[in-house]
Amino acid sequence: RSDAVTLDCEPADDAAVARMIDTHDVVLSF
């Protein structure tokens, strides 16, 4: 459940993830 996560995070859908990847200069994925 999104209201049960243990860290205060903003919700992101697929389009938001794509925008984040496109708008950051450096993307590191682990």
PDB file of all heavy atoms in Angstrom:
ATOM      1  N   ARG A   1       0.847  -1.207   0.000  1.00  0.00           N
ATOM      2  CA  ARG A   1       0.000   0.000   0.000  1.00  0.00           C
ATOM      3  C   ARG A   1       0.873   1.244   0.000  1.00  0.00           C
ATOM      4  O   ARG A   1       1.855   1.323   0.745  1.00  0.00           O
ATOM      5  CB  ARG A   1      -0.911   0.011   1.224  1.00  0.00           C
ATOM      6  CG  ARG A   1      -1.975  -1.049   1.205  1.00  0.00           C
ATOM      7  CD  ARG A   1      -2.998  -0.900   2.332  1.00  0.00           C
ATOM      8  NE  ARG A   1      -2.705   0.101   3.341  1.00  0.00           N
ATOM      9  CZ  ARG A   1      -2.258  -0.168   4.576  1.00  0.00           C
ATOM     10  NH1 ARG A   1      -2.041  -1.417   4.943  1.00  0.00           N
ATOM     11  NH2 ARG A   1      -2.051   0.807   5.419  1.00  0.00           N
ATOM     12  N   SER A   2       0.522   2.226  -0.798  1.00  0.00           N
ATOM     13  CA  SER A   2       1.315   3.454  -0.893  1.00  0.00           C
ATOM     14  C   SER A   2       1.307   4.236   0.420  1.00  0.00           C
ATOM     15  O   SER A   2       2.273   4.935   0.729  1.00  0.00           O
ATOM     16  CB  SER A   2       0.828   4.337  -2.041  1.00  0.00           C
ATOM     17  OG  SER A   2      -0.513   4.723  -1.836  1.00  0.00           O
ATOM     18  N   ASP A   3       0.244   4.088   1.214  1.00  0.00           N
ATOM     19  CA  ASP A   3       0.189   4.805   2.486  1.00  0.00           C
ATOM     20  C   ASP A   3       0.961   4.084   3.599  1.00  0.00           C
ATOM     21  O   ASP A   3       1.027   4.560   4.724  1.00  0.00           O
ATOM     22  CB  ASP A   3      -1.257   5.054   2.911  1.00  0.00           C
ATOM     23  CG  ASP A   3      -2.049   3.781   3.156  1.00  0.00           C
ATOM     24  OD1 ASP A   3      -1.576   2.691   2.782  1.00  0.00           O
ATOM     25  OD2 ASP A   3      -3.154   3.893   3.710  1.00  0.00           O
ATOM     26  N   ALA A   4       1.546   2.941   3.278  1.00  0.00           N
ATOM     27  CA  ALA A   4       2.275   2.163   4.280  1.00  0.00           C
ATOM     28  C   ALA A   4       3.791   2.253   4.114  1.00  0.00           C
ATOM     29  O   ALA A   4       4.524   1.691   4.926  1.00  0.00           O
ATOM     30  CB  ALA A   4       1.850   0.698   4.221  1.00  0.00           C
ATOM     31  N   VAL A   5       4.282   2.937   3.073  1.00  0.00           N
ATOM     32  CA  VAL A   5       5.729   2.995   2.865  1.00  0.00           C
ATOM     33  C   VAL A   5       6.397   3.730   4.021  1.00  0.00           C
ATOM     34  O   VAL A   5       5.807   4.613   4.645  1.00  0.00           O
ATOM     35  CB  VAL A   5       6.104   3.616   1.498  1.00  0.00           C
ATOM     36  CG1 VAL A   5       5.567   2.793   0.352  1.00  0.00           C
ATOM     37  CG2 VAL A   5       5.642   5.046   1.402  1.00  0.00           C
ATOM     38  N   THR A   6       7.631   3.362   4.293  1.00  0.00           N
ATOM     39  CA  THR A   6       8.332   3.840   5.483  1.00  0.00           C
ATOM     40  C   THR A   6       9.136   5.116   5.272  1.00  0.00           C
ATOM     41  O   THR A   6       9.801   5.571   6.186  1.00  0.00           O
ATOM     42  CB  THR A   6       9.273   2.744   6.008  1.00  0.00           C
ATOM     43  OG1 THR A   6      10.216   2.413   4.977  1.00  0.00           O
ATOM     44  CG2 THR A   6       8.492   1.500   6.415  1.00  0.00           C
ATOM     45  N   LEU A   7       9.081   5.686   4.084  1.00  0.00           N
ATOM     46  CA  LEU A   7       9.810   6.916   3.780  1.00  0.00           C
ATOM     47  C   LEU A   7       8.860   7.835   3.029  1.00  0.00           C
ATOM     48  O   LEU A   7       8.055   7.379   2.217  1.00  0.00           O
ATOM     49  CB  LEU A   7      11.039   6.586   2.917  1.00  0.00           C
ATOM     50  CG  LEU A   7      12.044   7.688   2.624  1.00  0.00           C
ATOM     51  CD1 LEU A   7      12.713   8.172   3.908  1.00  0.00           C
ATOM     52  CD2 LEU A   7      13.113   7.185   1.659  1.00  0.00           C
ATOM     53  N   ASP A   8       8.933   9.120   3.314  1.00  0.00           N
ATOM     54  CA  ASP A   8       8.043  10.073   2.661  1.00  0.00           C
ATOM     55  C   ASP A   8       8.483  10.260   1.208  1.00  0.00           C
ATOM     56  O   ASP A   8       9.481  10.924   0.935  1.00  0.00           O
ATOM     57  CB  ASP A   8       8.075  11.406   3.408  1.00  0.00           C
ATOM     58  CG  ASP A   8       7.076  12.404   2.866  1.00  0.00           C
ATOM     59  OD1 ASP A   8       6.077  11.982   2.254  1.00  0.00           O
ATOM     60  OD2 ASP A   8       7.303  13.614   3.043  1.00  0.00           O
ATOM     61  N   CYS A   9       7.752   9.629   0.292  1.00  0.00           N
ATOM     62  CA  CYS A   9       8.079   9.681  -1.134  1.00  0.00           C
ATOM     63  C   CYS A   9       6.883  10.174  -1.931  1.00  0.00           C
ATOM     64  O   CYS A   9       5.740   9.898  -1.583  1.00  0.00           O
ATOM     65  CB  CYS A   9       8.459   8.294  -1.646  1.00  0.00           C
ATOM     66  SG  CYS A   9       9.975   7.628  -0.973  1.00  0.00           S
ATOM     67  N   GLU A  10       7.176  10.863  -3.005  1.00  0.00           N
ATOM     68  CA  GLU A  10       6.130  11.311  -3.913  1.00  0.00           C
ATOM     69  C   GLU A  10       5.751  10.162  -4.841  1.00  0.00           C
ATOM     70  O   GLU A  10       6.629   9.481  -5.371  1.00  0.00           O
ATOM     71  CB  GLU A  10       6.634  12.484  -4.749  1.00  0.00           C
ATOM     72  CG  GLU A  10       7.010  13.706  -3.940  1.00  0.00           C
ATOM     73  CD  GLU A  10       7.630  14.791  -4.793  1.00  0.00           C
ATOM     74  OE1 GLU A  10       7.293  14.902  -5.989  1.00  0.00           O
ATOM     75  OE2 GLU A  10       8.464  15.535  -4.246  1.00  0.00           O
ATOM     76  N   PRO A  11       4.471   9.943  -5.061  1.00  0.00           N
ATOM     77  CA  PRO A  11       4.058   8.879  -5.975  1.00  0.00           C
ATOM     78  C   PRO A  11       4.402   9.242  -7.419  1.00  0.00           C
ATOM     79  O   PRO A  11       4.327  10.409  -7.809  1.00  0.00           O
ATOM     80  CB  PRO A  11       2.542   8.804  -5.772  1.00  0.00           C
ATOM     81  CG  PRO A  11       2.157  10.123  -5.216  1.00  0.00           C
ATOM     82  CD  PRO A  11       3.337  10.651  -4.472  1.00  0.00           C
ATOM     83  N   ALA A  12       4.786   8.231  -8.190  1.00  0.00           N
ATOM     84  CA  ALA A  12       5.143   8.449  -9.599  1.00  0.00           C
ATOM     85  C   ALA A  12       4.525   7.352 -10.450  1.00  0.00           C
ATOM     86  O   ALA A  12       4.607   6.174 -10.107  1.00  0.00           O
ATOM     87  CB  ALA A  12       6.663   8.452  -9.761  1.00  0.00           C
ATOM     88  N   ASP A  13       3.923   7.750 -11.558  1.00  0.00           N
ATOM     89  CA  ASP A  13       3.420   6.775 -12.518  1.00  0.00           C
ATOM     90  C   ASP A  13       4.476   6.588 -13.606  1.00  0.00           C
ATOM     91  O   ASP A  13       5.570   7.150 -13.532  1.00  0.00           O
ATOM     92  CB  ASP A  13       2.067   7.219 -13.098  1.00  0.00           C
ATOM     93  CG  ASP A  13       2.126   8.570 -13.802  1.00  0.00           C
ATOM     94  OD1 ASP A  13       3.243   9.081 -14.098  1.00  0.00           O
ATOM     95  OD2 ASP A  13       1.047   9.127 -14.080  1.00  0.00           O
ATOM     96  N   ASP A  14       4.156   5.795 -14.624  1.00  0.00           N
ATOM     97  CA  ASP A  14       5.131   5.516 -15.690  1.00  0.00           C
ATOM     98  C   ASP A  14       5.592   6.785 -16.395  1.00  0.00           C
ATOM     99  O   ASP A  14       6.776   6.949 -16.690  1.00  0.00           O
ATOM    100  CB  ASP A  14       4.538   4.544 -16.715  1.00  0.00           C
ATOM    101  CG  ASP A  14       4.332   3.149 -16.146  1.00  0.00           C
ATOM    102  OD1 ASP A  14       5.028   2.777 -15.182  1.00  0.00           O
ATOM    103  OD2 ASP A  14       3.458   2.433 -16.667  1.00  0.00           O
ATOM    104  N   ALA A  15       4.659   7.702 -16.668  1.00  0.00           N
ATOM    105  CA  ALA A  15       5.008   8.945 -17.361  1.00  0.00           C
ATOM    106  C   ALA A  15       5.942   9.802 -16.516  1.00  0.00           C
ATOM    107  O   ALA A  15       6.892  10.404 -17.035  1.00  0.00           O
ATOM    108  CB  ALA A  15       3.744   9.724 -17.719  1.00  0.00           C
ATOM    109  N   ALA A  16       5.700   9.855 -15.209  1.00  0.00           N
ATOM    110  CA  ALA A  16       6.568  10.627 -14.316  1.00  0.00           C
ATOM    111  C   ALA A  16       7.975  10.037 -14.268  1.00  0.00           C
ATOM    112  O   ALA A  16       8.967  10.772 -14.258  1.00  0.00           O
ATOM    113  CB  ALA A  16       5.967  10.692 -12.921  1.00  0.00           C
ATOM    114  N   VAL A  17       8.070   8.711 -14.260  1.00  0.00           N
ATOM    115  CA  VAL A  17       9.386   8.058 -14.261  1.00  0.00           C
ATOM    116  C   VAL A  17      10.134   8.408 -15.549  1.00  0.00           C
ATOM    117  O   VAL A  17      11.317   8.752 -15.523  1.00  0.00           O
ATOM    118  CB  VAL A  17       9.252   6.532 -14.086  1.00  0.00           C
ATOM    119  CG1 VAL A  17      10.581   5.832 -14.353  1.00  0.00           C
ATOM    120  CG2 VAL A  17       8.757   6.208 -12.681  1.00  0.00           C
ATOM    121  N   ALA A  18       9.455   8.347 -16.675  1.00  0.00           N
ATOM    122  CA  ALA A  18      10.082   8.689 -17.957  1.00  0.00           C
ATOM    123  C   ALA A  18      10.574  10.136 -17.947  1.00  0.00           C
ATOM    124  O   ALA A  18      11.690  10.429 -18.408  1.00  0.00           O
ATOM    125  CB  ALA A  18       9.105   8.460 -19.105  1.00  0.00           C
ATOM    126  N   ARG A  19       9.766  11.043 -17.402  1.00  0.00           N
ATOM    127  CA  ARG A  19      10.178  12.455 -17.314  1.00  0.00           C
ATOM    128  C   ARG A  19      11.404  12.614 -16.430  1.00  0.00           C
ATOM    129  O   ARG A  19      12.325  13.372 -16.752  1.00  0.00           O
ATOM    130  CB  ARG A  19       9.035  13.323 -16.785  1.00  0.00           C
ATOM    131  CG  ARG A  19       8.079  13.810 -17.840  1.00  0.00           C
ATOM    132  CD  ARG A  19       7.136  14.896 -17.313  1.00  0.00           C
ATOM    133  NE  ARG A  19       6.423  14.536 -16.094  1.00  0.00           N
ATOM    134  CZ  ARG A  19       5.318  13.789 -16.055  1.00  0.00           C
ATOM    135  NH1 ARG A  19       4.801  13.310 -17.170  1.00  0.00           N
ATOM    136  NH2 ARG A  19       4.730  13.527 -14.904  1.00  0.00           N
ATOM    137  N   MET A  20      11.415  11.918 -15.296  1.00  0.00           N
ATOM    138  CA  MET A  20      12.570  12.008 -14.389  1.00  0.00           C
ATOM    139  C   MET A  20      13.844  11.571 -15.091  1.00  0.00           C
ATOM    140  O   MET A  20      14.874  12.237 -14.994  1.00  0.00           O
ATOM    141  CB  MET A  20      12.354  11.122 -13.158  1.00  0.00           C
ATOM    142  CG  MET A  20      11.554  11.755 -12.073  1.00  0.00           C
ATOM    143  SD  MET A  20      11.456  10.641 -10.659  1.00  0.00           S
ATOM    144  CE  MET A  20       9.784  10.057 -10.854  1.00  0.00           C
ATOM    145  N   ILE A  21      13.766  10.459 -15.784  1.00  0.00           N
ATOM    146  CA  ILE A  21      14.951   9.940 -16.472  1.00  0.00           C
ATOM    147  C   ILE A  21      15.404  10.919 -17.557  1.00  0.00           C
ATOM    148  O   ILE A  21      16.594  11.165 -17.722  1.00  0.00           O
ATOM    149  CB  ILE A  21      14.673   8.534 -17.030  1.00  0.00           C
ATOM    150  CG1 ILE A  21      14.529   7.548 -15.853  1.00  0.00           C
ATOM    151  CG2 ILE A  21      15.760   8.083 -17.991  1.00  0.00           C
ATOM    152  CD1 ILE A  21      14.016   6.175 -16.228  1.00  0.00           C
ATOM    153  N   ASP A  22      14.452  11.506 -18.269  1.00  0.00           N
ATOM    154  CA  ASP A  22      14.786  12.456 -19.339  1.00  0.00           C
ATOM    155  C   ASP A  22      15.339  13.773 -18.835  1.00  0.00           C
ATOM    156  O   ASP A  22      16.120  14.419 -19.520  1.00  0.00           O
ATOM    157  CB  ASP A  22      13.551  12.738 -20.200  1.00  0.00           C
ATOM    158  CG  ASP A  22      13.191  11.581 -21.106  1.00  0.00           C
ATOM    159  OD1 ASP A  22      14.043  10.690 -21.321  1.00  0.00           O
ATOM    160  OD2 ASP A  22      12.039  11.567 -21.594  1.00  0.00           O
ATOM    161  N   THR A  23      14.929  14.209 -17.635  1.00  0.00           N
ATOM    162  CA  THR A  23      15.287  15.552 -17.173  1.00  0.00           C
ATOM    163  C   THR A  23      16.500  15.597 -16.249  1.00  0.00           C
ATOM    164  O   THR A  23      16.918  16.687 -15.878  1.00  0.00           O
ATOM    165  CB  THR A  23      14.099  16.237 -16.490  1.00  0.00           C
ATOM    166  OG1 THR A  23      13.692  15.451 -15.367  1.00  0.00           O
ATOM    167  CG2 THR A  23      12.935  16.413 -17.460  1.00  0.00           C
ATOM    168  N   HIS A  24      17.045  14.468 -15.878  1.00  0.00           N
ATOM    169  CA  HIS A  24      18.243  14.472 -15.027  1.00  0.00           C
ATOM    170  C   HIS A  24      19.483  14.283 -15.903  1.00  0.00           C
ATOM    171  O   HIS A  24      19.459  13.540 -16.877  1.00  0.00           O
ATOM    172  CB  HIS A  24      18.164  13.368 -13.969  1.00  0.00           C
ATOM    173  CG  HIS A  24      17.243  13.714 -12.854  1.00  0.00           C
ATOM    174  ND1 HIS A  24      15.883  13.565 -12.941  1.00  0.00           N
ATOM    175  CD2 HIS A  24      17.485  14.222 -11.618  1.00  0.00           C
ATOM    176  CE1 HIS A  24      15.321  13.965 -11.817  1.00  0.00           C
ATOM    177  NE2 HIS A  24      16.271  14.357 -11.003  1.00  0.00           N
ATOM    178  N   ASP A  25      20.533  14.971 -15.517  1.00  0.00           N
ATOM    179  CA  ASP A  25      21.784  14.876 -16.270  1.00  0.00           C
ATOM    180  C   ASP A  25      22.449  13.516 -16.103  1.00  0.00           C
ATOM    181  O   ASP A  25      23.029  12.975 -17.036  1.00  0.00           O
ATOM    182  CB  ASP A  25      22.766  15.973 -15.824  1.00  0.00           C
ATOM    183  CG  ASP A  25      22.223  17.367 -16.068  1.00  0.00           C
ATOM    184  OD1 ASP A  25      21.783  17.642 -17.209  1.00  0.00           O
ATOM    185  OD2 ASP A  25      22.203  18.171 -15.127  1.00  0.00           O
ATOM    186  N   VAL A  26      22.375  12.987 -14.900  1.00  0.00           N
ATOM    187  CA  VAL A  26      23.017  11.706 -14.574  1.00  0.00           C
ATOM    188  C   VAL A  26      21.971  10.799 -13.937  1.00  0.00           C
ATOM    189  O   VAL A  26      21.301  11.192 -12.976  1.00  0.00           O
ATOM    190  CB  VAL A  26      24.205  11.899 -13.597  1.00  0.00           C
ATOM    191  CG1 VAL A  26      24.825  10.565 -13.223  1.00  0.00           C
ATOM    192  CG2 VAL A  26      25.242  12.843 -14.190  1.00  0.00           C
ATOM    193  N   VAL A  27      21.821   9.600 -14.491  1.00  0.00           N
ATOM    194  CA  VAL A  27      20.887   8.609 -13.949  1.00  0.00           C
ATOM    195  C   VAL A  27      21.686   7.361 -13.595  1.00  0.00           C
ATOM    196  O   VAL A  27      22.341   6.775 -14.462  1.00  0.00           O
ATOM    197  CB  VAL A  27      19.771   8.272 -14.959  1.00  0.00           C
ATOM    198  CG1 VAL A  27      18.850   7.189 -14.400  1.00  0.00           C
ATOM    199  CG2 VAL A  27      18.981   9.523 -15.331  1.00  0.00           C
ATOM    200  N   LEU A  28      21.635   6.974 -12.337  1.00  0.00           N
ATOM    201  CA  LEU A  28      22.342   5.795 -11.853  1.00  0.00           C
ATOM    202  C   LEU A  28      21.320   4.784 -11.370  1.00  0.00           C
ATOM    203  O   LEU A  28      20.496   5.104 -10.508  1.00  0.00           O
ATOM    204  CB  LEU A  28      23.290   6.169 -10.716  1.00  0.00           C
ATOM    205  CG  LEU A  28      24.328   7.251 -11.053  1.00  0.00           C
ATOM    206  CD1 LEU A  28      24.995   7.753  -9.799  1.00  0.00           C
ATOM    207  CD2 LEU A  28      25.334   6.708 -12.037  1.00  0.00           C
ATOM    208  N   SER A  29      21.359   3.592 -11.914  1.00  0.00           N
ATOM    209  CA  SER A  29      20.366   2.572 -11.586  1.00  0.00           C
ATOM    210  C   SER A  29      21.055   1.371 -10.939  1.00  0.00           C
ATOM    211  O   SER A  29      22.016   0.836 -11.483  1.00  0.00           O
ATOM    212  CB  SER A  29      19.633   2.148 -12.871  1.00  0.00           C
ATOM    213  OG  SER A  29      18.702   1.148 -12.591  1.00  0.00           O
ATOM    214  N   PHE A  30      20.545   0.985  -9.776  1.00  0.00           N
ATOM    215  CA  PHE A  30      21.097  -0.148  -9.032  1.00  0.00           C
ATOM    216  C   PHE A  30      20.017  -1.157  -8.766  1.00  0.00           C
ATOM    217  O   PHE A  30      18.949  -0.856  -8.348  1.00  0.00           O
ATOM    218  CB  PHE A  30      21.673   0.314  -7.697  1.00  0.00           C
ATOM    219  CG  PHE A  30      22.874   1.201  -7.836  1.00  0.00           C
ATOM    220  CD1 PHE A  30      22.732   2.566  -8.016  1.00  0.00           C
ATOM    221  CD2 PHE A  30      24.142   0.668  -7.782  1.00  0.00           C
ATOM    222  CE1 PHE A  30      23.835   3.382  -8.139  1.00  0.00           C
ATOM    223  CE2 PHE A  30      25.259   1.476  -7.893  1.00  0.00           C
ATOM    224  CZ  PHE A  30      25.098   2.850  -8.073  1.00  0.00           C
TER     225      PHE A  30
END
